[in-house]
Amino acid sequence: MTFGDIVIIISVIVVIIIALMYHFGKKNYAKNLEAQSFINQYKTVTPILVIDKRLEKPSLQNLPKNIYEKLPKTAHIRKMPIVKAKVGPQITTLLCDKNVYDVLPNKKTIKVELAGIYISRVIGMNLEDKKKKTIGQKISLWLKKNQPKQ
């Protein structure tokens, strides 16, 4: 095999990988649009009391059986943000996005948009103050606060 043959084989493999990534990305985008329309259709504003929040793998112990069976196989492998909360008189297990998970306070009552067992948004909080910040962000905020006024 010559150097040219190796380059051609590698370029064909790269093109096939890119085509597969494009195909599966397009498929996932369509699924995400469908899920987002479902969330927008069924979301309601509800006050909840956050009891506990964790990043853990979904299991039958922390999710209802029918929800656990409907999750895709990839979701069973990775850790997901799971929130245990009191919604009305009932204690339930809820799922949420990572950005929502970061701003949820423990042991406090807050208003959220719920779509089934999915928390899509937190309402009525100043989210910028509650987000976890990096050291650089903390220093820049401190410098802005302590900057002399002219």
N, C-alpha and C. Protein backbone atom coordinates (compact mmCIF):
# COMPACT_ATOMS: atom_id res chain seq x y z
N MET A 1 0.84 -1.19 0.00
CA MET A 1 0.00 0.00 0.00
C MET A 1 0.87 1.24 0.00
N THR A 2 0.45 2.16 -0.80
CA THR A 2 1.19 3.42 -0.87
C THR A 2 0.54 4.44 0.05
N PHE A 3 1.21 5.53 0.21
CA PHE A 3 0.71 6.61 1.06
C PHE A 3 -0.61 7.16 0.54
N GLY A 4 -0.76 7.24 -0.77
CA GLY A 4 -1.99 7.73 -1.39
C GLY A 4 -3.18 6.83 -1.10
N ASP A 5 -2.95 5.50 -1.11
CA ASP A 5 -4.04 4.57 -0.78
C ASP A 5 -4.51 4.74 0.66
N ILE A 6 -3.58 4.94 1.56
CA ILE A 6 -3.93 5.13 2.98
C ILE A 6 -4.73 6.41 3.16
N VAL A 7 -4.34 7.47 2.49
CA VAL A 7 -5.06 8.75 2.58
C VAL A 7 -6.47 8.60 2.04
N ILE A 8 -6.64 7.89 0.95
CA ILE A 8 -7.97 7.69 0.36
C ILE A 8 -8.85 6.88 1.31
N ILE A 9 -8.32 5.82 1.90
CA ILE A 9 -9.11 5.00 2.83
C ILE A 9 -9.52 5.81 4.06
N ILE A 10 -8.59 6.57 4.61
CA ILE A 10 -8.91 7.39 5.79
C ILE A 10 -9.94 8.45 5.44
N SER A 11 -9.82 9.09 4.26
CA SER A 11 -10.79 10.12 3.89
C SER A 11 -12.17 9.52 3.66
N VAL A 12 -12.27 8.33 3.10
CA VAL A 12 -13.57 7.67 2.92
C VAL A 12 -14.20 7.36 4.27
N ILE A 13 -13.40 6.88 5.21
CA ILE A 13 -13.91 6.58 6.56
C ILE A 13 -14.40 7.85 7.24
N VAL A 14 -13.66 8.93 7.11
CA VAL A 14 -14.05 10.20 7.73
C VAL A 14 -15.36 10.70 7.12
N VAL A 15 -15.51 10.60 5.80
CA VAL A 15 -16.75 11.04 5.14
C VAL A 15 -17.93 10.20 5.61
N ILE A 16 -17.75 8.90 5.75
CA ILE A 16 -18.83 8.03 6.25
C ILE A 16 -19.21 8.41 7.68
N ILE A 17 -18.23 8.66 8.52
CA ILE A 17 -18.52 9.05 9.92
C ILE A 17 -19.27 10.37 9.96
N ILE A 18 -18.87 11.33 9.15
CA ILE A 18 -19.55 12.63 9.11
C ILE A 18 -20.98 12.48 8.62
N ALA A 19 -21.19 11.64 7.61
CA ALA A 19 -22.55 11.41 7.10
C ALA A 19 -23.43 10.76 8.17
N LEU A 20 -22.89 9.80 8.90
CA LEU A 20 -23.66 9.16 9.97
C LEU A 20 -23.99 10.14 11.09
N MET A 21 -23.02 10.97 11.45
CA MET A 21 -23.27 11.97 12.50
C MET A 21 -24.35 12.95 12.05
N TYR A 22 -24.33 13.37 10.80
CA TYR A 22 -25.34 14.27 10.27
C TYR A 22 -26.72 13.63 10.32
N HIS A 23 -26.80 12.37 9.91
CA HIS A 23 -28.09 11.66 9.89
C HIS A 23 -28.67 11.52 11.30
N PHE A 24 -27.85 11.07 12.25
CA PHE A 24 -28.35 10.88 13.61
C PHE A 24 -28.62 12.21 14.30
N GLY A 25 -27.84 13.25 13.97
CA GLY A 25 -28.10 14.57 14.53
C GLY A 25 -29.44 15.13 14.07
N LYS A 26 -29.74 14.92 12.80
CA LYS A 26 -31.02 15.37 12.24
C LYS A 26 -32.17 14.62 12.91
N LYS A 27 -31.99 13.33 13.13
CA LYS A 27 -33.02 12.51 13.77
C LYS A 27 -33.25 12.96 15.22
N ASN A 28 -32.17 13.22 15.95
CA ASN A 28 -32.29 13.69 17.33
C ASN A 28 -32.91 15.07 17.40
N TYR A 29 -32.62 15.93 16.43
CA TYR A 29 -33.20 17.27 16.40
C TYR A 29 -34.72 17.18 16.25
N ALA A 30 -35.19 16.28 15.40
CA ALA A 30 -36.63 16.10 15.22
C ALA A 30 -37.28 15.59 16.52
N LYS A 31 -36.62 14.68 17.20
CA LYS A 31 -37.14 14.18 18.48
C LYS A 31 -37.19 15.29 19.52
N ASN A 32 -36.16 16.14 19.55
CA ASN A 32 -36.13 17.24 20.51
C ASN A 32 -37.25 18.24 20.23
N LEU A 33 -37.51 18.53 18.96
CA LEU A 33 -38.61 19.44 18.61
C LEU A 33 -39.95 18.87 19.07
N GLU A 34 -40.14 17.58 18.87
CA GLU A 34 -41.38 16.93 19.28
C GLU A 34 -41.54 16.97 20.80
N ALA A 35 -40.46 16.70 21.52
CA ALA A 35 -40.51 16.74 22.98
C ALA A 35 -40.77 18.15 23.48
N GLN A 36 -40.14 19.14 22.86
CA GLN A 36 -40.33 20.52 23.28
C GLN A 36 -41.76 20.98 23.03
N SER A 37 -42.37 20.57 21.93
CA SER A 37 -43.76 20.94 21.68
C SER A 37 -44.68 20.29 22.70
N PHE A 38 -44.38 19.05 23.11
CA PHE A 38 -45.15 18.38 24.15
C PHE A 38 -45.04 19.14 25.47
N ILE A 39 -43.83 19.54 25.81
CA ILE A 39 -43.61 20.29 27.05
C ILE A 39 -44.36 21.61 27.02
N ASN A 40 -44.29 22.33 25.92
CA ASN A 40 -44.98 23.62 25.81
C ASN A 40 -46.49 23.45 25.87
N GLN A 41 -47.00 22.36 25.36
CA GLN A 41 -48.44 22.14 25.34
C GLN A 41 -48.99 21.81 26.74
N TYR A 42 -48.24 21.07 27.53
CA TYR A 42 -48.76 20.58 28.81
C TYR A 42 -48.15 21.22 30.04
N LYS A 43 -47.40 22.30 29.90
CA LYS A 43 -46.77 22.89 31.07
C LYS A 43 -47.78 23.70 31.89
N THR A 44 -47.65 23.59 33.19
CA THR A 44 -48.47 24.35 34.14
C THR A 44 -47.56 24.93 35.21
N VAL A 45 -47.94 26.08 35.74
CA VAL A 45 -47.18 26.71 36.80
C VAL A 45 -47.67 26.14 38.12
N THR A 46 -46.75 25.59 38.91
CA THR A 46 -47.09 24.91 40.15
C THR A 46 -46.07 25.25 41.22
N PRO A 47 -46.52 25.55 42.44
CA PRO A 47 -45.56 25.71 43.53
C PRO A 47 -45.14 24.33 44.05
N ILE A 48 -43.85 24.14 44.24
CA ILE A 48 -43.35 22.88 44.78
C ILE A 48 -42.39 23.18 45.93
N LEU A 49 -42.26 22.22 46.83
CA LEU A 49 -41.29 22.28 47.91
C LEU A 49 -40.20 21.27 47.56
N VAL A 50 -39.01 21.75 47.28
CA VAL A 50 -37.90 20.88 46.90
C VAL A 50 -37.36 20.23 48.16
N ILE A 51 -37.45 18.92 48.23
CA ILE A 51 -36.96 18.18 49.39
C ILE A 51 -35.50 17.79 49.19
N ASP A 52 -35.20 17.24 48.02
CA ASP A 52 -33.85 16.75 47.76
C ASP A 52 -33.60 16.80 46.26
N LYS A 53 -32.36 17.04 45.88
CA LYS A 53 -32.00 16.99 44.47
C LYS A 53 -30.66 16.28 44.34
N ARG A 54 -30.57 15.41 43.32
CA ARG A 54 -29.37 14.61 43.13
C ARG A 54 -29.11 14.39 41.64
N LEU A 55 -27.84 14.14 41.35
CA LEU A 55 -27.44 13.67 40.02
C LEU A 55 -27.19 12.18 40.16
N GLU A 56 -28.07 11.35 39.62
CA GLU A 56 -27.90 9.91 39.73
C GLU A 56 -28.51 9.21 38.53
N LYS A 57 -28.15 7.95 38.39
CA LYS A 57 -28.69 7.15 37.30
C LYS A 57 -30.14 6.80 37.62
N PRO A 58 -31.04 6.88 36.65
CA PRO A 58 -32.43 6.51 36.91
C PRO A 58 -32.55 5.02 37.21
N SER A 59 -33.39 4.70 38.17
CA SER A 59 -33.63 3.30 38.52
C SER A 59 -35.08 3.17 38.96
N LEU A 60 -35.51 1.95 39.20
CA LEU A 60 -36.88 1.71 39.64
C LEU A 60 -37.11 2.24 41.05
N GLN A 61 -36.05 2.45 41.83
CA GLN A 61 -36.20 2.98 43.18
C GLN A 61 -36.50 4.47 43.18
N ASN A 62 -35.96 5.20 42.20
CA ASN A 62 -36.16 6.65 42.22
C ASN A 62 -37.09 7.18 41.13
N LEU A 63 -37.64 6.30 40.29
CA LEU A 63 -38.62 6.72 39.28
C LEU A 63 -39.78 5.73 39.25
N PRO A 64 -40.98 6.19 38.89
CA PRO A 64 -42.08 5.25 38.72
C PRO A 64 -41.78 4.26 37.59
N LYS A 65 -42.35 3.06 37.68
CA LYS A 65 -42.04 1.99 36.74
C LYS A 65 -42.39 2.35 35.30
N ASN A 66 -43.56 2.98 35.09
CA ASN A 66 -43.96 3.32 33.71
C ASN A 66 -43.05 4.38 33.10
N ILE A 67 -42.56 5.31 33.89
CA ILE A 67 -41.63 6.33 33.39
C ILE A 67 -40.27 5.70 33.11
N TYR A 68 -39.82 4.83 33.99
CA TYR A 68 -38.52 4.19 33.83
C TYR A 68 -38.48 3.36 32.54
N GLU A 69 -39.57 2.67 32.23
CA GLU A 69 -39.62 1.84 31.03
C GLU A 69 -39.65 2.67 29.75
N LYS A 70 -40.19 3.89 29.81
CA LYS A 70 -40.28 4.74 28.62
C LYS A 70 -38.98 5.49 28.32
N LEU A 71 -38.06 5.54 29.28
CA LEU A 71 -36.80 6.22 29.04
C LEU A 71 -35.99 5.49 27.98
N PRO A 72 -35.26 6.23 27.14
CA PRO A 72 -34.40 5.56 26.16
C PRO A 72 -33.25 4.83 26.87
N LYS A 73 -32.69 3.87 26.18
CA LYS A 73 -31.62 3.04 26.78
C LYS A 73 -30.40 3.88 27.17
N THR A 74 -30.13 4.94 26.43
CA THR A 74 -28.98 5.77 26.78
C THR A 74 -29.20 6.51 28.09
N ALA A 75 -30.45 6.79 28.44
CA ALA A 75 -30.74 7.50 29.68
C ALA A 75 -30.53 6.59 30.89
N HIS A 76 -30.60 5.28 30.71
CA HIS A 76 -30.39 4.36 31.83
C HIS A 76 -28.92 4.32 32.24
N ILE A 77 -28.03 4.70 31.33
CA ILE A 77 -26.60 4.60 31.59
C ILE A 77 -26.05 5.85 32.27
N ARG A 78 -26.51 7.03 31.86
CA ARG A 78 -25.91 8.27 32.34
C ARG A 78 -26.66 8.82 33.55
N LYS A 79 -25.99 9.70 34.26
CA LYS A 79 -26.60 10.34 35.43
C LYS A 79 -27.50 11.47 34.96
N MET A 80 -28.66 11.59 35.64
CA MET A 80 -29.63 12.62 35.30
C MET A 80 -29.96 13.43 36.55
N PRO A 81 -30.33 14.71 36.38
CA PRO A 81 -30.76 15.50 37.53
C PRO A 81 -32.15 15.06 37.97
N ILE A 82 -32.24 14.53 39.17
CA ILE A 82 -33.50 14.04 39.73
C ILE A 82 -33.82 14.84 40.98
N VAL A 83 -35.06 15.33 41.05
CA VAL A 83 -35.49 16.18 42.16
C VAL A 83 -36.65 15.49 42.87
N LYS A 84 -36.54 15.35 44.18
CA LYS A 84 -37.64 14.84 44.98
C LYS A 84 -38.33 16.06 45.58
N ALA A 85 -39.63 16.22 45.29
CA ALA A 85 -40.34 17.43 45.70
C ALA A 85 -41.75 17.10 46.14
N LYS A 86 -42.30 17.99 46.93
CA LYS A 86 -43.68 17.87 47.38
C LYS A 86 -44.53 18.77 46.49
N VAL A 87 -45.36 18.16 45.67
CA VAL A 87 -46.25 18.88 44.77
C VAL A 87 -47.65 18.71 45.34
N GLY A 88 -48.19 19.78 45.91
CA GLY A 88 -49.48 19.65 46.60
C GLY A 88 -49.26 18.78 47.83
N PRO A 89 -50.15 17.81 48.07
CA PRO A 89 -49.98 16.95 49.25
C PRO A 89 -49.12 15.71 48.98
N GLN A 90 -48.61 15.56 47.74
CA GLN A 90 -47.96 14.32 47.34
C GLN A 90 -46.47 14.55 47.10
N ILE A 91 -45.65 13.61 47.57
CA ILE A 91 -44.21 13.67 47.31
C ILE A 91 -43.93 12.88 46.04
N THR A 92 -43.30 13.54 45.06
CA THR A 92 -43.03 12.90 43.77
C THR A 92 -41.57 13.09 43.38
N THR A 93 -41.16 12.29 42.43
CA THR A 93 -39.82 12.41 41.85
C THR A 93 -39.95 13.08 40.49
N LEU A 94 -39.17 14.13 40.28
CA LEU A 94 -39.25 14.92 39.05
C LEU A 94 -37.90 14.92 38.35
N LEU A 95 -37.94 15.12 37.05
CA LEU A 95 -36.73 15.26 36.24
C LEU A 95 -36.60 16.71 35.79
N CYS A 96 -35.39 17.14 35.49
CA CYS A 96 -35.21 18.52 35.00
C CYS A 96 -33.93 18.60 34.18
N ASP A 97 -33.72 19.76 33.58
CA ASP A 97 -32.48 20.04 32.85
C ASP A 97 -31.38 20.39 33.85
N LYS A 98 -30.16 20.32 33.37
CA LYS A 98 -29.01 20.64 34.22
C LYS A 98 -29.03 22.11 34.64
N ASN A 99 -29.41 23.01 33.72
CA ASN A 99 -29.43 24.44 34.07
C ASN A 99 -30.52 24.75 35.08
N VAL A 100 -31.64 24.06 35.04
CA VAL A 100 -32.69 24.24 36.04
C VAL A 100 -32.24 23.64 37.37
N TYR A 101 -31.58 22.49 37.30
CA TYR A 101 -31.09 21.80 38.49
C TYR A 101 -30.12 22.68 39.27
N ASP A 102 -29.28 23.42 38.57
CA ASP A 102 -28.28 24.26 39.23
C ASP A 102 -28.90 25.37 40.06
N VAL A 103 -30.05 25.89 39.66
CA VAL A 103 -30.64 27.03 40.36
C VAL A 103 -31.72 26.63 41.36
N LEU A 104 -32.10 25.36 41.41
CA LEU A 104 -33.13 24.95 42.36
C LEU A 104 -32.57 24.98 43.78
N PRO A 105 -33.25 25.70 44.71
CA PRO A 105 -32.77 25.70 46.10
C PRO A 105 -33.33 24.50 46.86
N ASN A 106 -32.55 23.93 47.75
CA ASN A 106 -33.01 22.83 48.59
C ASN A 106 -33.87 23.36 49.74
N LYS A 107 -34.86 22.61 50.12
CA LYS A 107 -35.72 22.89 51.28
C LYS A 107 -36.44 24.24 51.19
N LYS A 108 -36.83 24.64 49.98
CA LYS A 108 -37.57 25.88 49.79
C LYS A 108 -38.72 25.66 48.83
N THR A 109 -39.77 26.48 48.98
CA THR A 109 -40.91 26.42 48.08
C THR A 109 -40.70 27.43 46.96
N ILE A 110 -40.85 26.96 45.73
CA ILE A 110 -40.68 27.83 44.56
C ILE A 110 -41.75 27.50 43.54
N LYS A 111 -41.97 28.41 42.61
CA LYS A 111 -42.89 28.17 41.51
C LYS A 111 -42.09 27.70 40.31
N VAL A 112 -42.58 26.63 39.69
CA VAL A 112 -41.92 26.07 38.51
C VAL A 112 -42.95 25.76 37.45
N GLU A 113 -42.49 25.61 36.21
CA GLU A 113 -43.35 25.14 35.13
C GLU A 113 -43.14 23.63 35.03
N LEU A 114 -44.21 22.87 35.27
CA LEU A 114 -44.16 21.42 35.21
C LEU A 114 -44.88 20.93 33.97
N ALA A 115 -44.31 19.93 33.32
CA ALA A 115 -44.97 19.23 32.21
C ALA A 115 -44.88 17.75 32.55
N GLY A 116 -45.89 17.22 33.20
CA GLY A 116 -45.83 15.84 33.67
C GLY A 116 -44.90 15.76 34.86
N ILE A 117 -43.78 15.03 34.72
CA ILE A 117 -42.79 14.97 35.80
C ILE A 117 -41.52 15.73 35.42
N TYR A 118 -41.60 16.62 34.46
CA TYR A 118 -40.43 17.34 33.96
C TYR A 118 -40.52 18.81 34.36
N ILE A 119 -39.51 19.31 35.04
CA ILE A 119 -39.43 20.73 35.41
C ILE A 119 -38.75 21.45 34.24
N SER A 120 -39.51 22.34 33.59
CA SER A 120 -38.93 23.01 32.43
C SER A 120 -38.34 24.38 32.76
N ARG A 121 -38.86 25.03 33.82
CA ARG A 121 -38.37 26.38 34.11
C ARG A 121 -38.71 26.76 35.54
N VAL A 122 -37.88 27.57 36.15
CA VAL A 122 -38.14 28.11 37.48
C VAL A 122 -38.66 29.52 37.29
N ILE A 123 -39.74 29.86 38.01
CA ILE A 123 -40.38 31.17 37.86
C ILE A 123 -40.23 31.96 39.16
N GLY A 124 -40.03 33.26 39.02
CA GLY A 124 -40.06 34.15 40.17
C GLY A 124 -38.80 34.18 40.99
N MET A 125 -37.68 33.81 40.43
CA MET A 125 -36.42 33.89 41.16
C MET A 125 -35.42 34.65 40.31
N ASN A 126 -34.50 35.33 40.97
CA ASN A 126 -33.40 35.95 40.25
C ASN A 126 -32.36 34.86 40.01
N LEU A 127 -32.40 34.26 38.84
CA LEU A 127 -31.60 33.08 38.56
C LEU A 127 -30.12 33.37 38.47
N GLU A 128 -29.73 34.57 38.11
CA GLU A 128 -28.31 34.88 37.97
C GLU A 128 -27.60 34.82 39.32
N ASP A 129 -28.28 35.20 40.40
CA ASP A 129 -27.66 35.15 41.71
C ASP A 129 -27.54 33.72 42.22
N LYS A 130 -28.43 32.85 41.79
CA LYS A 130 -28.48 31.48 42.31
C LYS A 130 -27.57 30.51 41.57
N LYS A 131 -27.18 30.82 40.33
CA LYS A 131 -26.36 29.91 39.55
C LYS A 131 -24.99 29.75 40.19
N LYS A 132 -24.43 28.56 40.07
CA LYS A 132 -23.07 28.34 40.53
C LYS A 132 -22.12 29.06 39.59
N LYS A 133 -21.19 29.80 40.18
CA LYS A 133 -20.28 30.61 39.38
C LYS A 133 -18.86 30.07 39.50
N THR A 134 -18.10 30.29 38.45
CA THR A 134 -16.69 29.93 38.51
C THR A 134 -15.95 31.00 39.29
N ILE A 135 -14.71 30.72 39.61
CA ILE A 135 -13.92 31.67 40.39
C ILE A 135 -13.74 32.98 39.61
N GLY A 136 -13.53 32.88 38.31
CA GLY A 136 -13.38 34.07 37.48
C GLY A 136 -14.63 34.93 37.47
N GLN A 137 -15.79 34.31 37.41
CA GLN A 137 -17.05 35.05 37.44
C GLN A 137 -17.25 35.72 38.80
N LYS A 138 -16.91 35.03 39.88
CA LYS A 138 -17.04 35.61 41.23
C LYS A 138 -16.13 36.83 41.38
N ILE A 139 -14.90 36.73 40.87
CA ILE A 139 -13.96 37.85 40.97
C ILE A 139 -14.44 39.04 40.17
N SER A 140 -14.96 38.80 38.96
CA SER A 140 -15.44 39.92 38.14
C SER A 140 -16.66 40.59 38.78
N LEU A 141 -17.57 39.81 39.40
CA LEU A 141 -18.70 40.41 40.10
C LEU A 141 -18.23 41.22 41.30
N TRP A 142 -17.25 40.72 42.04
CA TRP A 142 -16.73 41.43 43.20
C TRP A 142 -16.07 42.73 42.78
N LEU A 143 -15.33 42.69 41.65
CA LEU A 143 -14.69 43.91 41.16
C LEU A 143 -15.72 44.94 40.71
N LYS A 144 -16.81 44.50 40.10
CA LYS A 144 -17.87 45.43 39.67
C LYS A 144 -18.54 46.08 40.87
N LYS A 145 -18.77 45.30 41.94
CA LYS A 145 -19.42 45.84 43.13
C LYS A 145 -18.52 46.83 43.86
N ASN A 146 -17.24 46.53 43.92
CA ASN A 146 -16.30 47.34 44.69
C ASN A 146 -15.57 48.39 43.87
N GLN A 147 -16.01 48.60 42.64
CA GLN A 147 -15.39 49.60 41.79
C GLN A 147 -15.78 51.00 42.30
N PRO A 148 -14.81 51.92 42.46
CA PRO A 148 -15.17 53.26 42.94
C PRO A 148 -16.05 54.00 41.94
N LYS A 149 -17.08 54.68 42.47
CA LYS A 149 -17.99 55.42 41.60
C LYS A 149 -17.37 56.76 41.23
N GLN A 150 -17.55 57.16 39.99
CA GLN A 150 -16.94 58.41 39.53
C GLN A 150 -17.96 59.50 39.38
